[in-house]
PDB file of all heavy atoms in Angstrom:
ATOM      1  N   GLU A   1      12.788   7.233   4.915  1.00  0.00           N
ATOM      2  CA  GLU A   1      12.804   6.721   3.503  1.00  0.00           C
ATOM      3  C   GLU A   1      12.393   5.286   3.561  1.00  0.00           C
ATOM      4  O   GLU A   1      11.734   4.794   2.598  1.00  0.00           O
ATOM      5  CB  GLU A   1      14.183   6.842   2.925  1.00  0.00           C
ATOM      6  CG  GLU A   1      14.362   6.578   1.468  1.00  0.00           C
ATOM      7  CD  GLU A   1      15.713   6.839   0.938  1.00  0.00           C
ATOM      8  OE1 GLU A   1      16.215   7.981   1.201  1.00  0.00           O
ATOM      9  OE2 GLU A   1      16.150   5.965   0.146  1.00  0.00           O
ATOM     10  N   GLU A   2      12.923   4.492   4.518  1.00  0.00           N
ATOM     11  CA  GLU A   2      12.514   3.071   4.672  1.00  0.00           C
ATOM     12  C   GLU A   2      11.075   2.939   4.834  1.00  0.00           C
ATOM     13  O   GLU A   2      10.438   2.078   4.210  1.00  0.00           O
ATOM     14  CB  GLU A   2      13.254   2.445   5.843  1.00  0.00           C
ATOM     15  CG  GLU A   2      14.461   1.674   5.488  1.00  0.00           C
ATOM     16  CD  GLU A   2      15.011   1.019   6.696  1.00  0.00           C
ATOM     17  OE1 GLU A   2      14.373   0.477   7.552  1.00  0.00           O
ATOM     18  OE2 GLU A   2      16.252   1.004   6.716  1.00  0.00           O
ATOM     19  N   ARG A   3      10.446   3.753   5.696  1.00  0.00           N
ATOM     20  CA  ARG A   3       8.975   3.741   5.902  1.00  0.00           C
ATOM     21  C   ARG A   3       8.236   4.024   4.614  1.00  0.00           C
ATOM     22  O   ARG A   3       7.252   3.315   4.343  1.00  0.00           O
ATOM     23  CB  ARG A   3       8.635   4.742   7.010  1.00  0.00           C
ATOM     24  CG  ARG A   3       8.406   4.058   8.286  1.00  0.00           C
ATOM     25  CD  ARG A   3       7.882   5.030   9.358  1.00  0.00           C
ATOM     26  NE  ARG A   3       8.857   5.113  10.454  1.00  0.00           N
ATOM     27  CZ  ARG A   3       9.478   6.156  10.723  1.00  0.00           C
ATOM     28  NH1 ARG A   3       9.243   7.389  10.114  1.00  0.00           N
ATOM     29  NH2 ARG A   3      10.401   6.207  11.674  1.00  0.00           N
ATOM     30  N   ALA A   4       8.708   5.021   3.839  1.00  0.00           N
ATOM     31  CA  ALA A   4       8.042   5.343   2.622  1.00  0.00           C
ATOM     32  C   ALA A   4       8.059   4.154   1.592  1.00  0.00           C
ATOM     33  O   ALA A   4       7.219   4.042   0.807  1.00  0.00           O
ATOM     34  CB  ALA A   4       8.630   6.573   2.012  1.00  0.00           C
ATOM     35  N   ASN A   5       9.228   3.403   1.612  1.00  0.00           N
ATOM     36  CA  ASN A   5       9.431   2.308   0.693  1.00  0.00           C
ATOM     37  C   ASN A   5       9.053   1.015   1.281  1.00  0.00           C
ATOM     38  O   ASN A   5       9.171   0.005   0.552  1.00  0.00           O
ATOM     39  CB  ASN A   5      10.893   2.274   0.250  1.00  0.00           C
ATOM     40  CG  ASN A   5      11.246   3.516  -0.614  1.00  0.00           C
ATOM     41  OD1 ASN A   5      10.487   3.932  -1.447  1.00  0.00           O
ATOM     42  ND2 ASN A   5      12.441   4.010  -0.358  1.00  0.00           N
ATOM     43  N   SER A   6       8.497   0.994   2.557  1.00  0.00           N
ATOM     44  CA  SER A   6       8.074  -0.270   3.142  1.00  0.00           C
ATOM     45  C   SER A   6       6.780  -0.703   2.488  1.00  0.00           C
ATOM     46  O   SER A   6       6.098   0.120   1.784  1.00  0.00           O
ATOM     47  CB  SER A   6       7.913  -0.032   4.675  1.00  0.00           C
ATOM     48  OG  SER A   6       6.671   0.719   4.840  1.00  0.00           O
ATOM     49  N   PRO A   7       6.344  -1.961   2.726  1.00  0.00           N
ATOM     50  CA  PRO A   7       5.096  -2.418   2.140  1.00  0.00           C
ATOM     51  C   PRO A   7       3.919  -1.451   2.579  1.00  0.00           C
ATOM     52  O   PRO A   7       3.081  -1.158   1.760  1.00  0.00           O
ATOM     53  CB  PRO A   7       4.924  -3.824   2.761  1.00  0.00           C
ATOM     54  CG  PRO A   7       6.361  -4.311   2.882  1.00  0.00           C
ATOM     55  CD  PRO A   7       7.103  -3.056   3.318  1.00  0.00           C
ATOM     56  N   VAL A   8       3.917  -1.019   3.797  1.00  0.00           N
ATOM     57  CA  VAL A   8       2.821  -0.174   4.340  1.00  0.00           C
ATOM     58  C   VAL A   8       2.934   1.203   3.609  1.00  0.00           C
ATOM     59  O   VAL A   8       1.876   1.691   3.081  1.00  0.00           O
ATOM     60  CB  VAL A   8       2.885  -0.001   5.841  1.00  0.00           C
ATOM     61  CG1 VAL A   8       1.912   1.076   6.345  1.00  0.00           C
ATOM     62  CG2 VAL A   8       2.612  -1.308   6.551  1.00  0.00           C
ATOM     63  N   GLY A   9       4.093   1.715   3.518  1.00  0.00           N
ATOM     64  CA  GLY A   9       4.293   2.994   2.852  1.00  0.00           C
ATOM     65  C   GLY A   9       3.872   2.961   1.344  1.00  0.00           C
ATOM     66  O   GLY A   9       3.213   3.842   0.842  1.00  0.00           O
ATOM     67  N   CYS A  10       4.289   1.905   0.667  1.00  0.00           N
ATOM     68  CA  CYS A  10       3.936   1.715  -0.709  1.00  0.00           C
ATOM     69  C   CYS A  10       2.407   1.563  -0.929  1.00  0.00           C
ATOM     70  O   CYS A  10       1.804   2.152  -1.823  1.00  0.00           O
ATOM     71  CB  CYS A  10       4.649   0.574  -1.333  1.00  0.00           C
ATOM     72  SG  CYS A  10       6.472   0.728  -1.537  1.00  0.00           S
ATOM     73  N   ALA A  11       1.819   0.750   0.005  1.00  0.00           N
ATOM     74  CA  ALA A  11       0.401   0.565  -0.151  1.00  0.00           C
ATOM     75  C   ALA A  11      -0.377   1.853   0.156  1.00  0.00           C
ATOM     76  O   ALA A  11      -1.370   2.207  -0.498  1.00  0.00           O
ATOM     77  CB  ALA A  11      -0.095  -0.496   0.860  1.00  0.00           C
ATOM     78  N   ASN A  12       0.140   2.643   1.127  1.00  0.00           N
ATOM     79  CA  ASN A  12      -0.537   3.945   1.457  1.00  0.00           C
ATOM     80  C   ASN A  12      -0.429   4.844   0.285  1.00  0.00           C
ATOM     81  O   ASN A  12      -1.381   5.541  -0.084  1.00  0.00           O
ATOM     82  CB  ASN A  12       0.073   4.614   2.667  1.00  0.00           C
ATOM     83  CG  ASN A  12      -0.285   3.915   3.947  1.00  0.00           C
ATOM     84  OD1 ASN A  12      -1.298   3.225   4.050  1.00  0.00           O
ATOM     85  ND2 ASN A  12       0.507   4.108   4.973  1.00  0.00           N
ATOM     86  N   SER A  13       0.782   4.901  -0.319  1.00  0.00           N
ATOM     87  CA  SER A  13       0.992   5.827  -1.511  1.00  0.00           C
ATOM     88  C   SER A  13       0.107   5.420  -2.707  1.00  0.00           C
ATOM     89  O   SER A  13      -0.569   6.300  -3.302  1.00  0.00           O
ATOM     90  CB  SER A  13       2.447   5.726  -1.917  1.00  0.00           C
ATOM     91  OG  SER A  13       2.683   6.546  -2.989  1.00  0.00           O
ATOM     92  N   LEU A  14       0.051   4.128  -2.949  1.00  0.00           N
ATOM     93  CA  LEU A  14      -0.745   3.637  -4.009  1.00  0.00           C
ATOM     94  C   LEU A  14      -2.199   3.833  -3.771  1.00  0.00           C
ATOM     95  O   LEU A  14      -2.976   4.251  -4.692  1.00  0.00           O
ATOM     96  CB  LEU A  14      -0.503   2.144  -4.340  1.00  0.00           C
ATOM     97  CG  LEU A  14      -0.884   1.646  -5.627  1.00  0.00           C
ATOM     98  CD1 LEU A  14      -0.227   2.362  -6.812  1.00  0.00           C
ATOM     99  CD2 LEU A  14      -0.584   0.177  -5.766  1.00  0.00           C
ATOM    100  N   SER A  15      -2.599   3.745  -2.487  1.00  0.00           N
ATOM    101  CA  SER A  15      -3.995   3.883  -2.136  1.00  0.00           C
ATOM    102  C   SER A  15      -4.424   5.325  -2.290  1.00  0.00           C
ATOM    103  O   SER A  15      -5.519   5.664  -2.832  1.00  0.00           O
ATOM    104  CB  SER A  15      -4.184   3.501  -0.648  1.00  0.00           C
ATOM    105  OG  SER A  15      -5.529   3.709  -0.226  1.00  0.00           O
ATOM    106  N   LYS A  16      -3.497   6.274  -1.976  1.00  0.00           N
ATOM    107  CA  LYS A  16      -3.798   7.692  -2.175  1.00  0.00           C
ATOM    108  C   LYS A  16      -3.890   8.017  -3.647  1.00  0.00           C
ATOM    109  O   LYS A  16      -4.810   8.707  -4.109  1.00  0.00           O
ATOM    110  CB  LYS A  16      -2.653   8.494  -1.468  1.00  0.00           C
ATOM    111  CG  LYS A  16      -2.854   9.951  -1.540  1.00  0.00           C
ATOM    112  CD  LYS A  16      -1.700  10.657  -0.891  1.00  0.00           C
ATOM    113  CE  LYS A  16      -1.700  12.128  -1.149  1.00  0.00           C
ATOM    114  NZ  LYS A  16      -0.490  12.818  -0.626  1.00  0.00           N
ATOM    115  N   ASP A  17      -2.937   7.518  -4.428  1.00  0.00           N
ATOM    116  CA  ASP A  17      -2.918   7.801  -5.882  1.00  0.00           C
ATOM    117  C   ASP A  17      -4.081   7.253  -6.630  1.00  0.00           C
ATOM    118  O   ASP A  17      -4.614   7.860  -7.531  1.00  0.00           O
ATOM    119  CB  ASP A  17      -1.558   7.321  -6.505  1.00  0.00           C
ATOM    120  CG  ASP A  17      -0.376   8.086  -6.037  1.00  0.00           C
ATOM    121  OD1 ASP A  17      -0.513   9.282  -5.490  1.00  0.00           O
ATOM    122  OD2 ASP A  17       0.770   7.613  -6.238  1.00  0.00           O
ATOM    123  N   LEU A  18      -4.456   6.042  -6.277  1.00  0.00           N
ATOM    124  CA  LEU A  18      -5.530   5.340  -7.038  1.00  0.00           C
ATOM    125  C   LEU A  18      -6.895   5.369  -6.331  1.00  0.00           C
ATOM    126  O   LEU A  18      -7.817   4.760  -6.854  1.00  0.00           O
ATOM    127  CB  LEU A  18      -5.048   3.867  -7.374  1.00  0.00           C
ATOM    128  CG  LEU A  18      -3.773   3.741  -8.074  1.00  0.00           C
ATOM    129  CD1 LEU A  18      -3.487   2.243  -8.282  1.00  0.00           C
ATOM    130  CD2 LEU A  18      -3.907   4.322  -9.497  1.00  0.00           C
ATOM    131  N   LYS A  19      -6.921   5.915  -5.113  1.00  0.00           N
ATOM    132  CA  LYS A  19      -8.171   5.932  -4.406  1.00  0.00           C
ATOM    133  C   LYS A  19      -8.738   4.560  -4.154  1.00  0.00           C
ATOM    134  O   LYS A  19      -9.847   4.164  -4.575  1.00  0.00           O
ATOM    135  CB  LYS A  19      -9.196   6.861  -5.022  1.00  0.00           C
ATOM    136  CG  LYS A  19      -8.804   8.310  -5.135  1.00  0.00           C
ATOM    137  CD  LYS A  19      -9.771   9.182  -5.876  1.00  0.00           C
ATOM    138  CE  LYS A  19      -9.361  10.629  -5.992  1.00  0.00           C
ATOM    139  NZ  LYS A  19      -7.982  11.008  -6.221  1.00  0.00           N
ATOM    140  N   LEU A  20      -7.939   3.715  -3.526  1.00  0.00           N
ATOM    141  CA  LEU A  20      -8.293   2.290  -3.348  1.00  0.00           C
ATOM    142  C   LEU A  20      -9.330   2.217  -2.208  1.00  0.00           C
ATOM    143  O   LEU A  20      -9.285   3.027  -1.266  1.00  0.00           O
ATOM    144  CB  LEU A  20      -6.993   1.489  -2.894  1.00  0.00           C
ATOM    145  CG  LEU A  20      -5.902   1.404  -3.908  1.00  0.00           C
ATOM    146  CD1 LEU A  20      -4.711   0.579  -3.371  1.00  0.00           C
ATOM    147  CD2 LEU A  20      -6.337   0.847  -5.266  1.00  0.00           C
ATOM    148  N   THR A  21     -10.088   1.165  -2.312  1.00  0.00           N
ATOM    149  CA  THR A  21     -11.006   0.863  -1.136  1.00  0.00           C
ATOM    150  C   THR A  21     -10.255   0.250  -0.074  1.00  0.00           C
ATOM    151  O   THR A  21      -9.096  -0.182  -0.312  1.00  0.00           O
ATOM    152  CB  THR A  21     -12.116  -0.083  -1.641  1.00  0.00           C
ATOM    153  OG1 THR A  21     -11.555  -1.377  -1.930  1.00  0.00           O
ATOM    154  CG2 THR A  21     -12.918   0.402  -2.819  1.00  0.00           C
ATOM    155  N   HIS A  22     -10.873   0.065   1.150  1.00  0.00           N
ATOM    156  CA  HIS A  22     -10.099  -0.581   2.204  1.00  0.00           C
ATOM    157  C   HIS A  22      -9.657  -2.028   1.818  1.00  0.00           C
ATOM    158  O   HIS A  22      -8.547  -2.475   2.145  1.00  0.00           O
ATOM    159  CB  HIS A  22     -10.966  -0.555   3.447  1.00  0.00           C
ATOM    160  CG  HIS A  22     -10.363  -1.263   4.567  1.00  0.00           C
ATOM    161  ND1 HIS A  22      -9.282  -0.806   5.283  1.00  0.00           N
ATOM    162  CD2 HIS A  22     -10.617  -2.438   5.233  1.00  0.00           C
ATOM    163  CE1 HIS A  22      -8.926  -1.493   6.255  1.00  0.00           C
ATOM    164  NE2 HIS A  22      -9.806  -2.613   6.242  1.00  0.00           N
ATOM    165  N   GLU A  23     -10.595  -2.715   1.148  1.00  0.00           N
ATOM    166  CA  GLU A  23     -10.342  -4.098   0.782  1.00  0.00           C
ATOM    167  C   GLU A  23      -9.137  -4.142  -0.237  1.00  0.00           C
ATOM    168  O   GLU A  23      -8.259  -5.018  -0.081  1.00  0.00           O
ATOM    169  CB  GLU A  23     -11.555  -4.783   0.186  1.00  0.00           C
ATOM    170  CG  GLU A  23     -12.687  -5.031   1.139  1.00  0.00           C
ATOM    171  CD  GLU A  23     -13.516  -3.800   1.444  1.00  0.00           C
ATOM    172  OE1 GLU A  23     -13.512  -2.801   0.652  1.00  0.00           O
ATOM    173  OE2 GLU A  23     -14.180  -3.723   2.538  1.00  0.00           O
ATOM    174  N   GLN A  24      -9.147  -3.249  -1.187  1.00  0.00           N
ATOM    175  CA  GLN A  24      -8.076  -3.224  -2.163  1.00  0.00           C
ATOM    176  C   GLN A  24      -6.833  -2.922  -1.533  1.00  0.00           C
ATOM    177  O   GLN A  24      -5.728  -3.553  -1.739  1.00  0.00           O
ATOM    178  CB  GLN A  24      -8.352  -2.149  -3.230  1.00  0.00           C
ATOM    179  CG  GLN A  24      -9.461  -2.558  -4.228  1.00  0.00           C
ATOM    180  CD  GLN A  24      -9.767  -1.357  -5.210  1.00  0.00           C
ATOM    181  OE1 GLN A  24      -9.895  -0.223  -4.767  1.00  0.00           O
ATOM    182  NE2 GLN A  24      -9.809  -1.691  -6.492  1.00  0.00           N
ATOM    183  N   LYS A  25      -6.821  -1.914  -0.559  1.00  0.00           N
ATOM    184  CA  LYS A  25      -5.565  -1.556   0.084  1.00  0.00           C
ATOM    185  C   LYS A  25      -4.968  -2.715   0.899  1.00  0.00           C
ATOM    186  O   LYS A  25      -3.816  -2.926   0.959  1.00  0.00           O
ATOM    187  CB  LYS A  25      -5.852  -0.376   1.067  1.00  0.00           C
ATOM    188  CG  LYS A  25      -4.533   0.173   1.661  1.00  0.00           C
ATOM    189  CD  LYS A  25      -4.902   1.435   2.528  1.00  0.00           C
ATOM    190  CE  LYS A  25      -3.634   1.890   3.288  1.00  0.00           C
ATOM    191  NZ  LYS A  25      -3.894   3.038   4.085  1.00  0.00           N
ATOM    192  N   THR A  26      -5.933  -3.434   1.537  1.00  0.00           N
ATOM    193  CA  THR A  26      -5.483  -4.705   2.306  1.00  0.00           C
ATOM    194  C   THR A  26      -4.726  -5.654   1.453  1.00  0.00           C
ATOM    195  O   THR A  26      -3.772  -6.251   1.719  1.00  0.00           O
ATOM    196  CB  THR A  26      -6.707  -5.253   3.073  1.00  0.00           C
ATOM    197  OG1 THR A  26      -7.246  -4.273   3.916  1.00  0.00           O
ATOM    198  CG2 THR A  26      -6.208  -6.459   3.898  1.00  0.00           C
ATOM    199  N   GLU A  27      -5.381  -5.954   0.256  1.00  0.00           N
ATOM    200  CA  GLU A  27      -4.815  -6.896  -0.718  1.00  0.00           C
ATOM    201  C   GLU A  27      -3.474  -6.435  -1.263  1.00  0.00           C
ATOM    202  O   GLU A  27      -2.591  -7.135  -1.372  1.00  0.00           O
ATOM    203  CB  GLU A  27      -5.803  -7.148  -1.858  1.00  0.00           C
ATOM    204  CG  GLU A  27      -7.011  -8.003  -1.465  1.00  0.00           C
ATOM    205  CD  GLU A  27      -7.845  -8.273  -2.655  1.00  0.00           C
ATOM    206  OE1 GLU A  27      -7.400  -8.814  -3.622  1.00  0.00           O
ATOM    207  OE2 GLU A  27      -9.092  -7.947  -2.587  1.00  0.00           O
ATOM    208  N   VAL A  28      -3.417  -5.046  -1.561  1.00  0.00           N
ATOM    209  CA  VAL A  28      -2.186  -4.560  -2.065  1.00  0.00           C
ATOM    210  C   VAL A  28      -1.089  -4.597  -1.010  1.00  0.00           C
ATOM    211  O   VAL A  28       0.065  -4.899  -1.373  1.00  0.00           O
ATOM    212  CB  VAL A  28      -2.403  -3.059  -2.564  1.00  0.00           C
ATOM    213  CG1 VAL A  28      -1.078  -2.346  -2.755  1.00  0.00           C
ATOM    214  CG2 VAL A  28      -3.322  -3.079  -3.820  1.00  0.00           C
ATOM    215  N   LEU A  29      -1.391  -4.361   0.219  1.00  0.00           N
ATOM    216  CA  LEU A  29      -0.482  -4.536   1.380  1.00  0.00           C
ATOM    217  C   LEU A  29       0.192  -5.870   1.426  1.00  0.00           C
ATOM    218  O   LEU A  29       1.281  -6.118   1.546  1.00  0.00           O
ATOM    219  CB  LEU A  29      -1.014  -4.109   2.642  1.00  0.00           C
ATOM    220  CG  LEU A  29      -0.132  -4.197   3.865  1.00  0.00           C
ATOM    221  CD1 LEU A  29       1.099  -3.325   3.749  1.00  0.00           C
ATOM    222  CD2 LEU A  29      -0.849  -3.754   5.119  1.00  0.00           C
ATOM    223  N   THR A  30      -0.791  -6.859   1.264  1.00  0.00           N
ATOM    224  CA  THR A  30      -0.290  -8.274   1.305  1.00  0.00           C
ATOM    225  C   THR A  30       0.703  -8.549   0.102  1.00  0.00           C
ATOM    226  O   THR A  30       1.690  -9.224   0.239  1.00  0.00           O
ATOM    227  CB  THR A  30      -1.544  -9.227   1.183  1.00  0.00           C
ATOM    228  OG1 THR A  30      -2.361  -8.918   2.306  1.00  0.00           O
ATOM    229  CG2 THR A  30      -1.153 -10.656   1.191  1.00  0.00           C
ATOM    230  N   ILE A  31       0.328  -8.007  -1.018  1.00  0.00           N
ATOM    231  CA  ILE A  31       1.197  -8.141  -2.269  1.00  0.00           C
ATOM    232  C   ILE A  31       2.584  -7.500  -2.009  1.00  0.00           C
ATOM    233  O   ILE A  31       3.555  -8.138  -2.387  1.00  0.00           O
ATOM    234  CB  ILE A  31       0.479  -7.559  -3.523  1.00  0.00           C
ATOM    235  CG1 ILE A  31      -0.803  -8.396  -3.806  1.00  0.00           C
ATOM    236  CG2 ILE A  31       1.441  -7.529  -4.671  1.00  0.00           C
ATOM    237  CD1 ILE A  31      -1.688  -7.725  -4.880  1.00  0.00           C
ATOM    238  N   PHE A  32       2.603  -6.327  -1.432  1.00  0.00           N
ATOM    239  CA  PHE A  32       3.878  -5.676  -1.226  1.00  0.00           C
ATOM    240  C   PHE A  32       4.716  -6.405  -0.157  1.00  0.00           C
ATOM    241  O   PHE A  32       5.888  -6.441  -0.188  1.00  0.00           O
ATOM    242  CB  PHE A  32       3.680  -4.195  -0.816  1.00  0.00           C
ATOM    243  CG  PHE A  32       3.360  -3.252  -1.985  1.00  0.00           C
ATOM    244  CD1 PHE A  32       2.330  -2.414  -1.981  1.00  0.00           C
ATOM    245  CD2 PHE A  32       4.260  -3.272  -3.115  1.00  0.00           C
ATOM    246  CE1 PHE A  32       2.020  -1.566  -2.997  1.00  0.00           C
ATOM    247  CE2 PHE A  32       3.963  -2.455  -4.177  1.00  0.00           C
ATOM    248  CZ  PHE A  32       2.850  -1.559  -4.146  1.00  0.00           C
ATOM    249  N   ASP A  33       3.983  -7.025   0.870  1.00  0.00           N
ATOM    250  CA  ASP A  33       4.674  -7.790   1.894  1.00  0.00           C
ATOM    251  C   ASP A  33       5.394  -8.957   1.294  1.00  0.00           C
ATOM    252  O   ASP A  33       6.535  -9.291   1.469  1.00  0.00           O
ATOM    253  CB  ASP A  33       3.726  -8.280   3.015  1.00  0.00           C
ATOM    254  CG  ASP A  33       3.473  -7.250   4.029  1.00  0.00           C
ATOM    255  OD1 ASP A  33       4.277  -6.364   4.346  1.00  0.00           O
ATOM    256  OD2 ASP A  33       2.301  -7.298   4.642  1.00  0.00           O
ATOM    257  N   GLU A  34       4.654  -9.637   0.364  1.00  0.00           N
ATOM    258  CA  GLU A  34       5.201 -10.767  -0.336  1.00  0.00           C
ATOM    259  C   GLU A  34       6.363 -10.405  -1.227  1.00  0.00           C
ATOM    260  O   GLU A  34       7.345 -11.065  -1.223  1.00  0.00           O
ATOM    261  CB  GLU A  34       4.058 -11.412  -1.176  1.00  0.00           C
ATOM    262  CG  GLU A  34       4.457 -12.653  -1.920  1.00  0.00           C
ATOM    263  CD  GLU A  34       3.364 -13.189  -2.812  1.00  0.00           C
ATOM    264  OE1 GLU A  34       2.214 -13.202  -2.398  1.00  0.00           O
ATOM    265  OE2 GLU A  34       3.669 -13.712  -3.926  1.00  0.00           O
TER     266      GLU A  34
END
């Protein structure tokens, strides 16, 4: 559950749902880390 709710898990989930590009996913991961 922690992994799914971690910044990486949230970025992966959002990437899958919104079909993010690699660059977008990297930016989103940074936002979730912050």
